[in-house]
Each structure stands twice: as C-alpha cells, then as structure tokens.
Amino acid sequence: ACQIHRPADTALEPIIAPKPGAVVLEVSKAAKHYQPPRPL
C-alpha cells in the first residue's frame, strides 16, 4: 500500500535571521605551538 512515489510532506518554514547583538567572544592574535619530544 506504500505510496512510494508520493512526495513526503516537506513544507518548511523560512528562518528569521536574528539581529546582530553585542560581541560575545573576540579572539586576537592567538597562537599555539608545541615541542615534540626529543628521540633517544
């Protein structure tokens, strides 16, 4: 009985984009390095 060719109900709502607000996180000149262990 499966109506395999009938499209599934996929009516989708538009998304309202939020308005920009205050800065939550700010990264400036971040750097990270590591030194591998010296072999024997």
Full PDB file with SEQRES, HELIX, SHEET, SSBOND, CRYST1, ORIGX, SCALE, CONECT and MASTER records, all heavy atoms in Angstrom:
SEQRES   1 A   40  ALA CYS GLN ILE HIS ARG PRO ALA ASP THR ALA LEU GLU          
SEQRES   2 A   40  PRO ILE ILE ALA PRO LYS PRO GLY ALA VAL VAL LEU GLU          
SEQRES   3 A   40  VAL SER LYS ALA ALA LYS HIS TYR GLN PRO PRO ARG PRO          
SEQRES   4 A   40  LEU                                                          
CRYST1    1.000    1.000    1.000  90.00  90.00  90.00 P 1           1          
ORIGX1      1.000000  0.000000  0.000000        0.00000                         
ORIGX2      0.000000  1.000000  0.000000        0.00000                         
ORIGX3      0.000000  0.000000  1.000000        0.00000                         
SCALE1      1.000000  0.000000  0.000000        0.00000                         
SCALE2      0.000000  1.000000  0.000000        0.00000                         
SCALE3      0.000000  0.000000  1.000000        0.00000                         
ATOM      1  N   ALA A   1       0.808  -1.221   0.000  1.00  0.00           N  
ATOM      2  CA  ALA A   1       0.000   0.000   0.000  1.00  0.00           C  
ATOM      3  C   ALA A   1       0.843   1.274   0.000  1.00  0.00           C  
ATOM      4  O   ALA A   1       0.311   2.369  -0.138  1.00  0.00           O  
ATOM      5  CB  ALA A   1      -0.922   0.007   1.221  1.00  0.00           C  
ATOM      6  N   CYS A   2       2.167   1.140   0.166  1.00  0.00           N  
ATOM      7  CA  CYS A   2       3.023   2.324   0.294  1.00  0.00           C  
ATOM      8  C   CYS A   2       3.004   3.147  -0.985  1.00  0.00           C  
ATOM      9  O   CYS A   2       3.223   2.625  -2.081  1.00  0.00           O  
ATOM     10  CB  CYS A   2       4.461   1.899   0.620  1.00  0.00           C  
ATOM     11  SG  CYS A   2       5.579   3.307   0.829  1.00  0.00           S  
ATOM     12  N   GLN A   3       2.748   4.432  -0.825  1.00  0.00           N  
ATOM     13  CA  GLN A   3       2.751   5.339  -1.968  1.00  0.00           C  
ATOM     14  C   GLN A   3       4.187   5.839  -2.154  1.00  0.00           C  
ATOM     15  O   GLN A   3       4.532   6.957  -1.772  1.00  0.00           O  
ATOM     16  CB  GLN A   3       1.784   6.500  -1.734  1.00  0.00           C  
ATOM     17  CG  GLN A   3       0.343   6.024  -1.516  1.00  0.00           C  
ATOM     18  CD  GLN A   3      -0.606   7.174  -1.267  1.00  0.00           C  
ATOM     19  OE1 GLN A   3      -0.631   8.129  -2.037  1.00  0.00           O  
ATOM     20  NE2 GLN A   3      -1.394   7.085  -0.214  1.00  0.00           N  
ATOM     21  N   ILE A   4       5.007   4.988  -2.746  1.00  0.00           N  
ATOM     22  CA  ILE A   4       6.442   5.270  -2.754  1.00  0.00           C  
ATOM     23  C   ILE A   4       6.821   6.472  -3.601  1.00  0.00           C  
ATOM     24  O   ILE A   4       7.867   7.073  -3.395  1.00  0.00           O  
ATOM     25  CB  ILE A   4       7.232   4.026  -3.227  1.00  0.00           C  
ATOM     26  CG1 ILE A   4       6.803   3.613  -4.633  1.00  0.00           C  
ATOM     27  CG2 ILE A   4       7.104   2.880  -2.257  1.00  0.00           C  
ATOM     28  CD1 ILE A   4       7.645   2.513  -5.242  1.00  0.00           C  
ATOM     29  N   HIS A   5       5.986   6.838  -4.579  1.00  0.00           N  
ATOM     30  CA  HIS A   5       6.341   7.967  -5.437  1.00  0.00           C  
ATOM     31  C   HIS A   5       5.673   9.271  -5.002  1.00  0.00           C  
ATOM     32  O   HIS A   5       5.905  10.304  -5.604  1.00  0.00           O  
ATOM     33  CB  HIS A   5       5.978   7.663  -6.893  1.00  0.00           C  
ATOM     34  CG  HIS A   5       6.746   6.524  -7.469  1.00  0.00           C  
ATOM     35  ND1 HIS A   5       8.091   6.592  -7.697  1.00  0.00           N  
ATOM     36  CD2 HIS A   5       6.366   5.265  -7.826  1.00  0.00           C  
ATOM     37  CE1 HIS A   5       8.520   5.431  -8.181  1.00  0.00           C  
ATOM     38  NE2 HIS A   5       7.488   4.613  -8.268  1.00  0.00           N  
ATOM     39  N   ARG A   6       4.853   9.197  -3.964  1.00  0.00           N  
ATOM     40  CA  ARG A   6       4.196  10.412  -3.488  1.00  0.00           C  
ATOM     41  C   ARG A   6       5.165  11.207  -2.615  1.00  0.00           C  
ATOM     42  O   ARG A   6       5.728  10.666  -1.665  1.00  0.00           O  
ATOM     43  CB  ARG A   6       2.960  10.052  -2.672  1.00  0.00           C  
ATOM     44  CG  ARG A   6       2.300  11.240  -1.994  1.00  0.00           C  
ATOM     45  CD  ARG A   6       1.175  10.783  -1.079  1.00  0.00           C  
ATOM     46  NE  ARG A   6       0.751  11.826  -0.167  1.00  0.00           N  
ATOM     47  CZ  ARG A   6      -0.043  11.638   0.862  1.00  0.00           C  
ATOM     48  NH1 ARG A   6      -0.496  10.427   1.120  1.00  0.00           N  
ATOM     49  NH2 ARG A   6      -0.386  12.619   1.639  1.00  0.00           N  
ATOM     50  N   PRO A   7       5.386  12.481  -2.900  1.00  0.00           N  
ATOM     51  CA  PRO A   7       6.330  13.254  -2.098  1.00  0.00           C  
ATOM     52  C   PRO A   7       5.899  13.288  -0.630  1.00  0.00           C  
ATOM     53  O   PRO A   7       4.728  13.410  -0.312  1.00  0.00           O  
ATOM     54  CB  PRO A   7       6.278  14.657  -2.718  1.00  0.00           C  
ATOM     55  CG  PRO A   7       5.743  14.447  -4.089  1.00  0.00           C  
ATOM     56  CD  PRO A   7       4.812  13.277  -3.994  1.00  0.00           C  
ATOM     57  N   ALA A   8       6.897  13.152   0.257  1.00  0.00           N  
ATOM     58  CA  ALA A   8       6.599  13.277   1.680  1.00  0.00           C  
ATOM     59  C   ALA A   8       6.246  14.726   1.991  1.00  0.00           C  
ATOM     60  O   ALA A   8       6.577  15.652   1.245  1.00  0.00           O  
ATOM     61  CB  ALA A   8       7.813  12.844   2.500  1.00  0.00           C  
ATOM     62  N   ASP A   9       5.547  14.939   3.079  1.00  0.00           N  
ATOM     63  CA  ASP A   9       5.131  16.277   3.480  1.00  0.00           C  
ATOM     64  C   ASP A   9       6.368  17.048   3.965  1.00  0.00           C  
ATOM     65  O   ASP A   9       6.827  16.855   5.081  1.00  0.00           O  
ATOM     66  CB  ASP A   9       4.086  16.180   4.597  1.00  0.00           C  
ATOM     67  CG  ASP A   9       3.578  17.547   5.024  1.00  0.00           C  
ATOM     68  OD1 ASP A   9       3.910  18.533   4.342  1.00  0.00           O  
ATOM     69  OD2 ASP A   9       2.857  17.618   6.036  1.00  0.00           O  
ATOM     70  N   THR A  10       6.897  17.892   3.097  1.00  0.00           N  
ATOM     71  CA  THR A  10       8.138  18.591   3.428  1.00  0.00           C  
ATOM     72  C   THR A  10       7.963  20.109   3.443  1.00  0.00           C  
ATOM     73  O   THR A  10       8.890  20.853   3.152  1.00  0.00           O  
ATOM     74  CB  THR A  10       9.232  18.231   2.415  1.00  0.00           C  
ATOM     75  OG1 THR A  10       8.760  18.569   1.095  1.00  0.00           O  
ATOM     76  CG2 THR A  10       9.558  16.755   2.460  1.00  0.00           C  
ATOM     77  N   ALA A  11       6.748  20.591   3.758  1.00  0.00           N  
ATOM     78  CA  ALA A  11       6.533  22.032   3.825  1.00  0.00           C  
ATOM     79  C   ALA A  11       7.410  22.618   4.930  1.00  0.00           C  
ATOM     80  O   ALA A  11       7.275  22.261   6.095  1.00  0.00           O  
ATOM     81  CB  ALA A  11       5.065  22.330   4.107  1.00  0.00           C  
ATOM     82  N   LEU A  12       8.318  23.501   4.560  1.00  0.00           N  
ATOM     83  CA  LEU A  12       9.284  24.035   5.509  1.00  0.00           C  
ATOM     84  C   LEU A  12       9.073  25.527   5.707  1.00  0.00           C  
ATOM     85  O   LEU A  12       8.739  26.258   4.772  1.00  0.00           O  
ATOM     86  CB  LEU A  12      10.712  23.779   5.005  1.00  0.00           C  
ATOM     87  CG  LEU A  12      11.048  22.315   4.672  1.00  0.00           C  
ATOM     88  CD1 LEU A  12      12.453  22.225   4.119  1.00  0.00           C  
ATOM     89  CD2 LEU A  12      10.909  21.452   5.908  1.00  0.00           C  
ATOM     90  N   GLU A  13       9.291  25.992   6.927  1.00  0.00           N  
ATOM     91  CA  GLU A  13       9.120  27.416   7.251  1.00  0.00           C  
ATOM     92  C   GLU A  13      10.424  28.171   7.050  1.00  0.00           C  
ATOM     93  O   GLU A  13      11.503  27.647   7.338  1.00  0.00           O  
ATOM     94  CB  GLU A  13       8.689  27.559   8.713  1.00  0.00           C  
ATOM     95  CG  GLU A  13       7.393  26.856   9.070  1.00  0.00           C  
ATOM     96  CD  GLU A  13       7.106  26.953  10.554  1.00  0.00           C  
ATOM     97  OE1 GLU A  13       7.880  27.653  11.251  1.00  0.00           O  
ATOM     98  OE2 GLU A  13       6.138  26.347  11.004  1.00  0.00           O  
ATOM     99  N   PRO A  14      10.332  29.417   6.560  1.00  0.00           N  
ATOM    100  CA  PRO A  14      11.547  30.246   6.467  1.00  0.00           C  
ATOM    101  C   PRO A  14      12.103  30.527   7.862  1.00  0.00           C  
ATOM    102  O   PRO A  14      11.367  30.570   8.854  1.00  0.00           O  
ATOM    103  CB  PRO A  14      11.059  31.531   5.795  1.00  0.00           C  
ATOM    104  CG  PRO A  14       9.758  31.174   5.171  1.00  0.00           C  
ATOM    105  CD  PRO A  14       9.159  30.094   6.016  1.00  0.00           C  
ATOM    106  N   ILE A  15      13.413  30.722   7.934  1.00  0.00           N  
ATOM    107  CA  ILE A  15      14.064  31.061   9.203  1.00  0.00           C  
ATOM    108  C   ILE A  15      14.284  32.568   9.240  1.00  0.00           C  
ATOM    109  O   ILE A  15      14.819  33.158   8.303  1.00  0.00           O  
ATOM    110  CB  ILE A  15      15.411  30.331   9.338  1.00  0.00           C  
ATOM    111  CG1 ILE A  15      15.173  28.822   9.455  1.00  0.00           C  
ATOM    112  CG2 ILE A  15      16.203  30.822  10.548  1.00  0.00           C  
ATOM    113  CD1 ILE A  15      16.446  28.014   9.511  1.00  0.00           C  
ATOM    114  N   ILE A  16      13.863  33.186  10.320  1.00  0.00           N  
ATOM    115  CA  ILE A  16      14.096  34.617  10.514  1.00  0.00           C  
ATOM    116  C   ILE A  16      15.458  34.785  11.169  1.00  0.00           C  
ATOM    117  O   ILE A  16      15.670  34.339  12.299  1.00  0.00           O  
ATOM    118  CB  ILE A  16      12.993  35.255  11.380  1.00  0.00           C  
ATOM    119  CG1 ILE A  16      11.627  35.050  10.710  1.00  0.00           C  
ATOM    120  CG2 ILE A  16      13.282  36.734  11.611  1.00  0.00           C  
ATOM    121  CD1 ILE A  16      10.461  35.533  11.555  1.00  0.00           C  
ATOM    122  N   ALA A  17      16.378  35.395  10.452  1.00  0.00           N  
ATOM    123  CA  ALA A  17      17.726  35.549  10.978  1.00  0.00           C  
ATOM    124  C   ALA A  17      17.735  36.507  12.164  1.00  0.00           C  
ATOM    125  O   ALA A  17      17.096  37.564  12.112  1.00  0.00           O  
ATOM    126  CB  ALA A  17      18.658  36.069   9.886  1.00  0.00           C  
ATOM    127  N   PRO A  18      18.406  36.163  13.251  1.00  0.00           N  
ATOM    128  CA  PRO A  18      18.458  37.063  14.410  1.00  0.00           C  
ATOM    129  C   PRO A  18      19.277  38.316  14.100  1.00  0.00           C  
ATOM    130  O   PRO A  18      20.206  38.283  13.288  1.00  0.00           O  
ATOM    131  CB  PRO A  18      19.164  36.211  15.478  1.00  0.00           C  
ATOM    132  CG  PRO A  18      19.967  35.221  14.695  1.00  0.00           C  
ATOM    133  CD  PRO A  18      19.173  34.931  13.461  1.00  0.00           C  
ATOM    134  N   LYS A  19      18.899  39.411  14.748  1.00  0.00           N  
ATOM    135  CA  LYS A  19      19.637  40.654  14.555  1.00  0.00           C  
ATOM    136  C   LYS A  19      20.967  40.580  15.307  1.00  0.00           C  
ATOM    137  O   LYS A  19      21.054  40.000  16.378  1.00  0.00           O  
ATOM    138  CB  LYS A  19      18.804  41.830  15.072  1.00  0.00           C  
ATOM    139  CG  LYS A  19      17.527  42.064  14.277  1.00  0.00           C  
ATOM    140  CD  LYS A  19      16.772  43.250  14.830  1.00  0.00           C  
ATOM    141  CE  LYS A  19      15.491  43.493  14.019  1.00  0.00           C  
ATOM    142  NZ  LYS A  19      14.721  44.655  14.558  1.00  0.00           N  
ATOM    143  N   PRO A  20      22.027  41.167  14.713  1.00  0.00           N  
ATOM    144  CA  PRO A  20      23.312  41.143  15.400  1.00  0.00           C  
ATOM    145  C   PRO A  20      23.222  41.869  16.740  1.00  0.00           C  
ATOM    146  O   PRO A  20      22.571  42.911  16.850  1.00  0.00           O  
ATOM    147  CB  PRO A  20      24.258  41.861  14.440  1.00  0.00           C  
ATOM    148  CG  PRO A  20      23.444  42.308  13.286  1.00  0.00           C  
ATOM    149  CD  PRO A  20      22.038  41.845  13.447  1.00  0.00           C  
ATOM    150  N   GLY A  21      23.883  41.302  17.749  1.00  0.00           N  
ATOM    151  CA  GLY A  21      23.880  41.910  19.074  1.00  0.00           C  
ATOM    152  C   GLY A  21      25.283  42.239  19.520  1.00  0.00           C  
ATOM    153  O   GLY A  21      26.184  42.451  18.705  1.00  0.00           O  
ATOM    154  N   ALA A  22      25.474  42.275  20.844  1.00  0.00           N  
ATOM    155  CA  ALA A  22      26.781  42.594  21.401  1.00  0.00           C  
ATOM    156  C   ALA A  22      27.762  41.461  21.130  1.00  0.00           C  
ATOM    157  O   ALA A  22      27.383  40.302  20.974  1.00  0.00           O  
ATOM    158  CB  ALA A  22      26.646  42.821  22.911  1.00  0.00           C  
ATOM    159  N   VAL A  23      29.034  41.789  21.052  1.00  0.00           N  
ATOM    160  CA  VAL A  23      30.083  40.788  20.833  1.00  0.00           C  
ATOM    161  C   VAL A  23      30.147  39.848  22.030  1.00  0.00           C  
ATOM    162  O   VAL A  23      30.223  40.285  23.184  1.00  0.00           O  
ATOM    163  CB  VAL A  23      31.451  41.464  20.617  1.00  0.00           C  
ATOM    164  CG1 VAL A  23      32.562  40.422  20.526  1.00  0.00           C  
ATOM    165  CG2 VAL A  23      31.420  42.317  19.354  1.00  0.00           C  
ATOM    166  N   VAL A  24      30.095  38.558  21.777  1.00  0.00           N  
ATOM    167  CA  VAL A  24      30.148  37.555  22.838  1.00  0.00           C  
ATOM    168  C   VAL A  24      31.583  37.060  23.048  1.00  0.00           C  
ATOM    169  O   VAL A  24      32.036  36.869  24.172  1.00  0.00           O  
ATOM    170  CB  VAL A  24      29.225  36.366  22.510  1.00  0.00           C  
ATOM    171  CG1 VAL A  24      29.359  35.268  23.564  1.00  0.00           C  
ATOM    172  CG2 VAL A  24      27.775  36.817  22.396  1.00  0.00           C  
ATOM    173  N   LEU A  25      32.310  36.891  21.945  1.00  0.00           N  
ATOM    174  CA  LEU A  25      33.674  36.376  22.032  1.00  0.00           C  
ATOM    175  C   LEU A  25      34.534  37.053  20.977  1.00  0.00           C  
ATOM    176  O   LEU A  25      34.119  37.205  19.829  1.00  0.00           O  
ATOM    177  CB  LEU A  25      33.684  34.855  21.796  1.00  0.00           C  
ATOM    178  CG  LEU A  25      35.049  34.169  21.801  1.00  0.00           C  
ATOM    179  CD1 LEU A  25      35.646  34.180  23.204  1.00  0.00           C  
ATOM    180  CD2 LEU A  25      34.932  32.739  21.282  1.00  0.00           C  
ATOM    181  N   GLU A  26      35.720  37.485  21.379  1.00  0.00           N  
ATOM    182  CA  GLU A  26      36.646  38.113  20.455  1.00  0.00           C  
ATOM    183  C   GLU A  26      38.029  37.491  20.639  1.00  0.00           C  
ATOM    184  O   GLU A  26      38.528  37.388  21.763  1.00  0.00           O  
ATOM    185  CB  GLU A  26      36.723  39.619  20.704  1.00  0.00           C  
ATOM    186  CG  GLU A  26      37.597  40.345  19.689  1.00  0.00           C  
ATOM    187  CD  GLU A  26      37.521  41.847  19.825  1.00  0.00           C  
ATOM    188  OE1 GLU A  26      36.604  42.326  20.512  1.00  0.00           O  
ATOM    189  OE2 GLU A  26      38.381  42.534  19.252  1.00  0.00           O  
ATOM    190  N   VAL A  27      38.628  37.036  19.536  1.00  0.00           N  
ATOM    191  CA  VAL A  27      39.952  36.421  19.564  1.00  0.00           C  
ATOM    192  C   VAL A  27      40.908  37.312  18.780  1.00  0.00           C  
ATOM    193  O   VAL A  27      40.597  37.727  17.656  1.00  0.00           O  
ATOM    194  CB  VAL A  27      39.924  35.011  18.944  1.00  0.00           C  
ATOM    195  CG1 VAL A  27      41.315  34.398  18.951  1.00  0.00           C  
ATOM    196  CG2 VAL A  27      38.954  34.113  19.705  1.00  0.00           C  
ATOM    197  N   SER A  28      42.071  37.588  19.353  1.00  0.00           N  
ATOM    198  CA  SER A  28      43.027  38.465  18.699  1.00  0.00           C  
ATOM    199  C   SER A  28      44.435  37.892  18.839  1.00  0.00           C  
ATOM    200  O   SER A  28      44.908  37.639  19.953  1.00  0.00           O  
ATOM    201  CB  SER A  28      42.968  39.862  19.314  1.00  0.00           C  
ATOM    202  OG  SER A  28      43.948  40.707  18.734  1.00  0.00           O  
ATOM    203  N   LYS A  29      45.084  37.635  17.720  1.00  0.00           N  
ATOM    204  CA  LYS A  29      46.473  37.194  17.654  1.00  0.00           C  
ATOM    205  C   LYS A  29      46.746  35.952  18.506  1.00  0.00           C  
ATOM    206  O   LYS A  29      47.788  35.841  19.165  1.00  0.00           O  
ATOM    207  CB  LYS A  29      47.409  38.334  18.068  1.00  0.00           C  
ATOM    208  CG  LYS A  29      47.322  39.550  17.142  1.00  0.00           C  
ATOM    209  CD  LYS A  29      48.281  40.645  17.552  1.00  0.00           C  
ATOM    210  CE  LYS A  29      48.172  41.830  16.605  1.00  0.00           C  
ATOM    211  NZ  LYS A  29      49.101  42.937  16.999  1.00  0.00           N  
ATOM    212  N   ALA A  30      45.816  35.025  18.518  1.00  0.00           N  
ATOM    213  CA  ALA A  30      46.014  33.785  19.271  1.00  0.00           C  
ATOM    214  C   ALA A  30      47.041  32.912  18.554  1.00  0.00           C  
ATOM    215  O   ALA A  30      47.067  32.837  17.336  1.00  0.00           O  
ATOM    216  CB  ALA A  30      44.696  33.037  19.416  1.00  0.00           C  
ATOM    217  N   ALA A  31      47.896  32.261  19.318  1.00  0.00           N  
ATOM    218  CA  ALA A  31      48.913  31.378  18.756  1.00  0.00           C  
ATOM    219  C   ALA A  31      49.148  30.216  19.703  1.00  0.00           C  
ATOM    220  O   ALA A  31      48.980  30.347  20.929  1.00  0.00           O  
ATOM    221  CB  ALA A  31      50.216  32.142  18.520  1.00  0.00           C  
ATOM    222  N   LYS A  32      49.505  29.084  19.129  1.00  0.00           N  
ATOM    223  CA  LYS A  32      49.789  27.894  19.932  1.00  0.00           C  
ATOM    224  C   LYS A  32      50.844  27.062  19.217  1.00  0.00           C  
ATOM    225  O   LYS A  32      50.742  26.796  18.016  1.00  0.00           O  
ATOM    226  CB  LYS A  32      48.514  27.058  20.129  1.00  0.00           C  
ATOM    227  CG  LYS A  32      48.727  25.714  20.819  1.00  0.00           C  
ATOM    228  CD  LYS A  32      49.216  25.866  22.243  1.00  0.00           C  
ATOM    229  CE  LYS A  32      49.399  24.500  22.909  1.00  0.00           C  
ATOM    230  NZ  LYS A  32      49.948  24.631  24.278  1.00  0.00           N  
ATOM    231  N   HIS A  33      51.874  26.674  19.950  1.00  0.00           N  
ATOM    232  CA  HIS A  33      52.873  25.781  19.391  1.00  0.00           C  
ATOM    233  C   HIS A  33      53.238  24.744  20.446  1.00  0.00           C  
ATOM    234  O   HIS A  33      52.956  24.914  21.633  1.00  0.00           O  
ATOM    235  CB  HIS A  33      54.122  26.550  18.948  1.00  0.00           C  
ATOM    236  CG  HIS A  33      54.934  27.082  20.107  1.00  0.00           C  
ATOM    237  ND1 HIS A  33      54.705  28.331  20.656  1.00  0.00           N  
ATOM    238  CD2 HIS A  33      55.941  26.521  20.818  1.00  0.00           C  
ATOM    239  CE1 HIS A  33      55.550  28.521  21.657  1.00  0.00           C  
ATOM    240  NE2 HIS A  33      56.310  27.448  21.781  1.00  0.00           N  
ATOM    241  N   TYR A  34      53.844  23.652  19.991  1.00  0.00           N  
ATOM    242  CA  TYR A  34      54.325  22.660  20.934  1.00  0.00           C  
ATOM    243  C   TYR A  34      55.607  22.038  20.417  1.00  0.00           C  
ATOM    244  O   TYR A  34      55.891  22.055  19.217  1.00  0.00           O  
ATOM    245  CB  TYR A  34      53.261  21.596  21.231  1.00  0.00           C  
ATOM    246  CG  TYR A  34      52.866  20.721  20.072  1.00  0.00           C  
ATOM    247  CD1 TYR A  34      53.489  19.509  19.822  1.00  0.00           C  
ATOM    248  CD2 TYR A  34      51.822  21.110  19.214  1.00  0.00           C  
ATOM    249  CE1 TYR A  34      53.118  18.707  18.757  1.00  0.00           C  
ATOM    250  CE2 TYR A  34      51.453  20.317  18.144  1.00  0.00           C  
ATOM    251  CZ  TYR A  34      52.096  19.117  17.925  1.00  0.00           C  
ATOM    252  OH  TYR A  34      51.719  18.327  16.863  1.00  0.00           O  
ATOM    253  N   GLN A  35      56.376  21.506  21.339  1.00  0.00           N  
ATOM    254  CA  GLN A  35      57.667  20.925  21.027  1.00  0.00           C  
ATOM    255  C   GLN A  35      57.586  19.410  21.130  1.00  0.00           C  
ATOM    256  O   GLN A  35      57.369  18.875  22.216  1.00  0.00           O  
ATOM    257  CB  GLN A  35      58.737  21.441  22.004  1.00  0.00           C  
ATOM    258  CG  GLN A  35      60.144  20.976  21.690  1.00  0.00           C  
ATOM    259  CD  GLN A  35      60.683  21.640  20.426  1.00  0.00           C  
ATOM    260  OE1 GLN A  35      60.620  22.850  20.286  1.00  0.00           O  
ATOM    261  NE2 GLN A  35      61.194  20.836  19.510  1.00  0.00           N  
ATOM    262  N   PRO A  36      57.688  18.669  20.010  1.00  0.00           N  
ATOM    263  CA  PRO A  36      57.681  17.200  20.091  1.00  0.00           C  
ATOM    264  C   PRO A  36      58.833  16.712  20.958  1.00  0.00           C  
ATOM    265  O   PRO A  36      59.877  17.370  21.053  1.00  0.00           O  
ATOM    266  CB  PRO A  36      57.858  16.763  18.629  1.00  0.00           C  
ATOM    267  CG  PRO A  36      57.450  17.946  17.818  1.00  0.00           C  
ATOM    268  CD  PRO A  36      57.821  19.145  18.634  1.00  0.00           C  
ATOM    269  N   PRO A  37      58.679  15.581  21.638  1.00  0.00           N  
ATOM    270  CA  PRO A  37      59.751  15.061  22.490  1.00  0.00           C  
ATOM    271  C   PRO A  37      60.978  14.684  21.670  1.00  0.00           C  
ATOM    272  O   PRO A  37      60.874  14.244  20.530  1.00  0.00           O  
ATOM    273  CB  PRO A  37      59.115  13.828  23.142  1.00  0.00           C  
ATOM    274  CG  PRO A  37      58.007  13.435  22.221  1.00  0.00           C  
ATOM    275  CD  PRO A  37      57.491  14.707  21.633  1.00  0.00           C  
ATOM    276  N   ARG A  38      62.128  14.901  22.263  1.00  0.00           N  
ATOM    277  CA  ARG A  38      63.388  14.547  21.600  1.00  0.00           C  
ATOM    278  C   ARG A  38      63.543  13.023  21.593  1.00  0.00           C  
ATOM    279  O   ARG A  38      63.354  12.372  22.629  1.00  0.00           O  
ATOM    280  CB  ARG A  38      64.559  15.171  22.331  1.00  0.00           C  
ATOM    281  CG  ARG A  38      65.926  14.906  21.666  1.00  0.00           C  
ATOM    282  CD  ARG A  38      67.061  15.267  22.616  1.00  0.00           C  
ATOM    283  NE  ARG A  38      67.104  16.679  22.879  1.00  0.00           N  
ATOM    284  CZ  ARG A  38      67.810  17.568  22.174  1.00  0.00           C  
ATOM    285  NH1 ARG A  38      68.512  17.130  21.139  1.00  0.00           N  
ATOM    286  NH2 ARG A  38      67.808  18.841  22.487  1.00  0.00           N  
ATOM    287  N   PRO A  39      63.873  12.408  20.445  1.00  0.00           N  
ATOM    288  CA  PRO A  39      64.110  10.966  20.429  1.00  0.00           C  
ATOM    289  C   PRO A  39      65.333  10.614  21.257  1.00  0.00           C  
ATOM    290  O   PRO A  39      66.160  11.476  21.578  1.00  0.00           O  
ATOM    291  CB  PRO A  39      64.324  10.669  18.941  1.00  0.00           C  
ATOM    292  CG  PRO A  39      64.740  11.965  18.347  1.00  0.00           C  
ATOM    293  CD  PRO A  39      64.061  13.038  19.135  1.00  0.00           C  
ATOM    294  N   LEU A  40      65.482   9.351  21.589  1.00  0.00           N  
ATOM    295  CA  LEU A  40      66.588   8.906  22.416  1.00  0.00           C  
ATOM    296  C   LEU A  40      67.921   9.265  21.763  1.00  0.00           C  
ATOM    297  O   LEU A  40      68.868   9.695  22.426  1.00  0.00           O  
ATOM    298  CB  LEU A  40      66.497   7.392  22.644  1.00  0.00           C  
ATOM    299  CG  LEU A  40      67.537   6.778  23.608  1.00  0.00           C  
ATOM    300  CD1 LEU A  40      67.396   7.408  24.983  1.00  0.00           C  
ATOM    301  CD2 LEU A  40      67.344   5.264  23.691  1.00  0.00           C  
TER     302      LEU A  40                                                      
MASTER        0    0    0    0    0    0    0    6  301    1    0    4          
END                                                                             
